[in-house]
Amino acid sequence: MRVKDIMTKDVASLNPEDSTERAAQLMKQYDIGSIPVCQQQKVVGIVTDRDIALRSVAAGQDPRRQKVREIMSPSPAVGDPEMDVHDAARVMSEKQVRRLPIVDRGSLVGVVALGDISVEPSLADNAGQALNQISQPAQM
């Protein structure tokens, strides 16, 4: 099975100059925990609810003035729509991420989440293995 068969195609994204407040509003609106950050459809980062909590709120920043570029994780791992879902799960496991932006010819075309993989009966073991690795502390 290919990533394009299970990925979410209608993806919210942010610009690096958007406010942290805008990121939180989009997360609430779409009930999601991370959003790719793009410049002209090219993924340049990803911002998560955890980034907002730790790098903005806990740091005492003003979310209306703080820019997403200040808290995003730059150069996130990305996948290809034609890649095998097992390979996507492996990348997610290795990079310890729950959501993988999918890029085709340099442009964001979707996102595959661990949840997308886990609902496919033939892929449930992969999702479990990936989650086990994602939940482990990163080795330094």
C-alpha atoms as a PDB file:
ATOM      1  CA  MET A   1       0.000   0.000   0.000  1.00  0.00           C
ATOM      2  CA  ARG A   2       1.247   3.495  -0.860  1.00  0.00           C
ATOM      3  CA  VAL A   3       1.176   6.562   1.382  1.00  0.00           C
ATOM      4  CA  LYS A   4      -1.062   8.377  -1.133  1.00  0.00           C
ATOM      5  CA  ASP A   5      -3.764   5.775  -0.413  1.00  0.00           C
ATOM      6  CA  ILE A   6      -4.083   6.671   3.275  1.00  0.00           C
ATOM      7  CA  MET A   7      -2.736  10.216   3.676  1.00  0.00           C
ATOM      8  CA  THR A   8      -4.874  13.233   4.464  1.00  0.00           C
ATOM      9  CA  LYS A   9      -4.873  15.419   1.362  1.00  0.00           C
ATOM     10  CA  ASP A  10      -6.650  18.493   2.687  1.00  0.00           C
ATOM     11  CA  VAL A  11      -3.882  19.876   4.889  1.00  0.00           C
ATOM     12  CA  ALA A  12      -3.750  23.108   6.866  1.00  0.00           C
ATOM     13  CA  SER A  13      -0.389  24.847   6.718  1.00  0.00           C
ATOM     14  CA  LEU A  14       1.252  27.945   8.110  1.00  0.00           C
ATOM     15  CA  ASN A  15       3.692  30.530   6.849  1.00  0.00           C
ATOM     16  CA  PRO A  16       6.822  31.140   8.981  1.00  0.00           C
ATOM     17  CA  GLU A  17       5.615  34.716   9.555  1.00  0.00           C
ATOM     18  CA  ASP A  18       2.226  33.637  10.950  1.00  0.00           C
ATOM     19  CA  SER A  19       1.757  34.162  14.664  1.00  0.00           C
ATOM     20  CA  THR A  20       1.913  31.434  17.254  1.00  0.00           C
ATOM     21  CA  GLU A  21      -1.658  32.406  18.103  1.00  0.00           C
ATOM     22  CA  ARG A  22      -2.690  31.616  14.495  1.00  0.00           C
ATOM     23  CA  ALA A  23      -1.032  28.200  14.801  1.00  0.00           C
ATOM     24  CA  ALA A  24      -3.002  27.434  17.961  1.00  0.00           C
ATOM     25  CA  GLN A  25      -6.244  28.643  16.348  1.00  0.00           C
ATOM     26  CA  LEU A  26      -5.739  26.342  13.341  1.00  0.00           C
ATOM     27  CA  MET A  27      -4.957  23.415  15.624  1.00  0.00           C
ATOM     28  CA  LYS A  28      -8.192  24.029  17.490  1.00  0.00           C
ATOM     29  CA  GLN A  29     -10.215  24.532  14.294  1.00  0.00           C
ATOM     30  CA  TYR A  30      -8.979  21.306  12.675  1.00  0.00           C
ATOM     31  CA  ASP A  31      -8.507  19.330  15.920  1.00  0.00           C
ATOM     32  CA  ILE A  32      -4.868  18.552  15.097  1.00  0.00           C
ATOM     33  CA  GLY A  33      -1.615  18.660  17.041  1.00  0.00           C
ATOM     34  CA  SER A  34       0.858  19.712  14.368  1.00  0.00           C
ATOM     35  CA  ILE A  35       0.917  21.856  11.260  1.00  0.00           C
ATOM     36  CA  PRO A  36       3.494  21.994   8.464  1.00  0.00           C
ATOM     37  CA  VAL A  37       5.116  25.382   7.915  1.00  0.00           C
ATOM     38  CA  CYS A  38       5.543  26.230   4.238  1.00  0.00           C
ATOM     39  CA  GLN A  39       6.968  28.893   1.975  1.00  0.00           C
ATOM     40  CA  GLN A  40       5.359  28.645  -1.476  1.00  0.00           C
ATOM     41  CA  GLN A  41       4.195  25.071  -0.687  1.00  0.00           C
ATOM     42  CA  LYS A  42       7.765  23.966   0.236  1.00  0.00           C
ATOM     43  CA  VAL A  43       7.863  22.482   3.733  1.00  0.00           C
ATOM     44  CA  VAL A  44      10.402  24.436   5.789  1.00  0.00           C
ATOM     45  CA  GLY A  45       9.305  23.364   9.255  1.00  0.00           C
ATOM     46  CA  ILE A  46       6.619  21.910  11.454  1.00  0.00           C
ATOM     47  CA  VAL A  47       5.014  23.331  14.570  1.00  0.00           C
ATOM     48  CA  THR A  48       3.351  21.179  17.210  1.00  0.00           C
ATOM     49  CA  ASP A  49       1.102  21.836  20.165  1.00  0.00           C
ATOM     50  CA  ARG A  50       4.086  20.886  22.309  1.00  0.00           C
ATOM     51  CA  ASP A  51       6.203  23.570  20.594  1.00  0.00           C
ATOM     52  CA  ILE A  52       3.538  26.126  21.485  1.00  0.00           C
ATOM     53  CA  ALA A  53       3.349  24.932  25.085  1.00  0.00           C
ATOM     54  CA  LEU A  54       7.098  24.771  25.721  1.00  0.00           C
ATOM     55  CA  ARG A  55       8.670  27.323  23.388  1.00  0.00           C
ATOM     56  CA  SER A  56       5.962  29.963  23.645  1.00  0.00           C
ATOM     57  CA  VAL A  57       3.626  29.723  26.633  1.00  0.00           C
ATOM     58  CA  ALA A  58       6.129  28.308  29.141  1.00  0.00           C
ATOM     59  CA  ALA A  59       8.723  30.817  27.929  1.00  0.00           C
ATOM     60  CA  GLY A  60       6.317  33.699  28.609  1.00  0.00           C
ATOM     61  CA  GLN A  61       6.072  34.818  24.982  1.00  0.00           C
ATOM     62  CA  ASP A  62       3.177  36.812  23.513  1.00  0.00           C
ATOM     63  CA  PRO A  63       1.510  34.418  21.045  1.00  0.00           C
ATOM     64  CA  ARG A  64       0.016  37.318  19.078  1.00  0.00           C
ATOM     65  CA  ARG A  65       3.467  38.735  18.350  1.00  0.00           C
ATOM     66  CA  GLN A  66       5.664  35.655  18.292  1.00  0.00           C
ATOM     67  CA  LYS A  67       6.235  34.201  14.825  1.00  0.00           C
ATOM     68  CA  VAL A  68       5.901  30.525  14.015  1.00  0.00           C
ATOM     69  CA  ARG A  69       9.482  30.530  12.675  1.00  0.00           C
ATOM     70  CA  GLU A  70      10.669  31.195  16.247  1.00  0.00           C
ATOM     71  CA  ILE A  71       9.176  27.981  17.660  1.00  0.00           C
ATOM     72  CA  MET A  72       8.923  25.573  14.708  1.00  0.00           C
ATOM     73  CA  SER A  73      11.198  22.606  14.201  1.00  0.00           C
ATOM     74  CA  PRO A  74      13.039  23.373  10.947  1.00  0.00           C
ATOM     75  CA  SER A  75      13.677  20.876   8.146  1.00  0.00           C
ATOM     76  CA  PRO A  76      11.287  18.136   9.299  1.00  0.00           C
ATOM     77  CA  ALA A  77      11.369  14.618   7.918  1.00  0.00           C
ATOM     78  CA  VAL A  78       9.060  14.309   4.918  1.00  0.00           C
ATOM     79  CA  GLY A  79       7.714  11.450   2.843  1.00  0.00           C
ATOM     80  CA  ASP A  80       6.725  10.857  -0.761  1.00  0.00           C
ATOM     81  CA  PRO A  81       3.191   9.911  -1.843  1.00  0.00           C
ATOM     82  CA  GLU A  82       4.541   6.883  -3.712  1.00  0.00           C
ATOM     83  CA  MET A  83       6.490   5.474  -0.784  1.00  0.00           C
ATOM     84  CA  ASP A  84       5.293   2.263   0.813  1.00  0.00           C
ATOM     85  CA  VAL A  85       3.347   2.768   4.046  1.00  0.00           C
ATOM     86  CA  HIS A  86       5.767   0.417   5.840  1.00  0.00           C
ATOM     87  CA  ASP A  87       8.625   2.737   4.860  1.00  0.00           C
ATOM     88  CA  ALA A  88       6.680   5.748   6.140  1.00  0.00           C
ATOM     89  CA  ALA A  89       6.133   3.962   9.462  1.00  0.00           C
ATOM     90  CA  ARG A  90       9.865   3.213   9.625  1.00  0.00           C
ATOM     91  CA  VAL A  91      10.754   6.877   8.986  1.00  0.00           C
ATOM     92  CA  MET A  92       8.261   7.982  11.643  1.00  0.00           C
ATOM     93  CA  SER A  93       9.759   5.509  14.080  1.00  0.00           C
ATOM     94  CA  GLU A  94      13.350   6.533  13.359  1.00  0.00           C
ATOM     95  CA  LYS A  95      12.572  10.263  13.545  1.00  0.00           C
ATOM     96  CA  GLN A  96      10.207   9.792  16.513  1.00  0.00           C
ATOM     97  CA  VAL A  97       7.329  11.682  14.886  1.00  0.00           C
ATOM     98  CA  ARG A  98       3.622  10.903  14.804  1.00  0.00           C
ATOM     99  CA  ARG A  99       2.860  12.883  11.649  1.00  0.00           C
ATOM    100  CA  LEU A 100       4.823  12.962   8.403  1.00  0.00           C
ATOM    101  CA  PRO A 101       4.315  15.727   5.826  1.00  0.00           C
ATOM    102  CA  ILE A 102       4.081  14.274   2.310  1.00  0.00           C
ATOM    103  CA  VAL A 103       5.803  16.176  -0.480  1.00  0.00           C
ATOM    104  CA  ASP A 104       5.584  15.710  -4.247  1.00  0.00           C
ATOM    105  CA  ARG A 105       7.946  17.656  -6.522  1.00  0.00           C
ATOM    106  CA  GLY A 106       8.828  19.991  -3.667  1.00  0.00           C
ATOM    107  CA  SER A 107       5.234  20.840  -2.696  1.00  0.00           C
ATOM    108  CA  LEU A 108       3.174  19.754   0.289  1.00  0.00           C
ATOM    109  CA  VAL A 109       0.422  17.383  -0.889  1.00  0.00           C
ATOM    110  CA  GLY A 110      -0.644  15.682   2.329  1.00  0.00           C
ATOM    111  CA  VAL A 111       0.149  14.367   5.778  1.00  0.00           C
ATOM    112  CA  VAL A 112       0.201  10.790   7.007  1.00  0.00           C
ATOM    113  CA  ALA A 113      -0.347  10.238  10.705  1.00  0.00           C
ATOM    114  CA  LEU A 114       0.330   7.250  12.874  1.00  0.00           C
ATOM    115  CA  GLY A 115      -3.444   7.048  13.281  1.00  0.00           C
ATOM    116  CA  ASP A 116      -3.866   6.686   9.507  1.00  0.00           C
ATOM    117  CA  ILE A 117      -1.537   3.692   9.574  1.00  0.00           C
ATOM    118  CA  SER A 118      -3.090   2.116  12.670  1.00  0.00           C
ATOM    119  CA  VAL A 119      -6.626   1.961  11.216  1.00  0.00           C
ATOM    120  CA  GLU A 120      -5.484  -0.280   8.367  1.00  0.00           C
ATOM    121  CA  PRO A 121      -5.717  -3.856   9.701  1.00  0.00           C
ATOM    122  CA  SER A 122      -2.738  -5.052   7.656  1.00  0.00           C
ATOM    123  CA  LEU A 123      -0.596  -2.194   8.998  1.00  0.00           C
ATOM    124  CA  ALA A 124      -1.568  -2.194  12.684  1.00  0.00           C
ATOM    125  CA  ASP A 125       1.649  -3.995  13.692  1.00  0.00           C
ATOM    126  CA  ASN A 126       3.733  -1.324  11.935  1.00  0.00           C
ATOM    127  CA  ALA A 127       1.876   1.421  13.771  1.00  0.00           C
ATOM    128  CA  GLY A 128       2.415  -0.328  17.087  1.00  0.00           C
ATOM    129  CA  GLN A 129       6.119  -0.740  16.426  1.00  0.00           C
ATOM    130  CA  ALA A 130       6.450   2.881  15.312  1.00  0.00           C
ATOM    131  CA  LEU A 131       4.586   4.126  18.392  1.00  0.00           C
ATOM    132  CA  ASN A 132       6.846   2.050  20.622  1.00  0.00           C
ATOM    133  CA  GLN A 133       9.909   3.726  19.092  1.00  0.00           C
ATOM    134  CA  ILE A 134       8.335   7.203  19.082  1.00  0.00           C
ATOM    135  CA  SER A 135       7.504   6.871  22.767  1.00  0.00           C
ATOM    136  CA  GLN A 136      11.102   6.000  23.692  1.00  0.00           C
ATOM    137  CA  PRO A 137      13.479   8.755  24.790  1.00  0.00           C
ATOM    138  CA  ALA A 138      15.761   9.890  21.975  1.00  0.00           C
ATOM    139  CA  GLN A 139      19.246   8.406  22.072  1.00  0.00           C
ATOM    140  CA  MET A 140      21.980  10.967  22.069  1.00  0.00           C
END
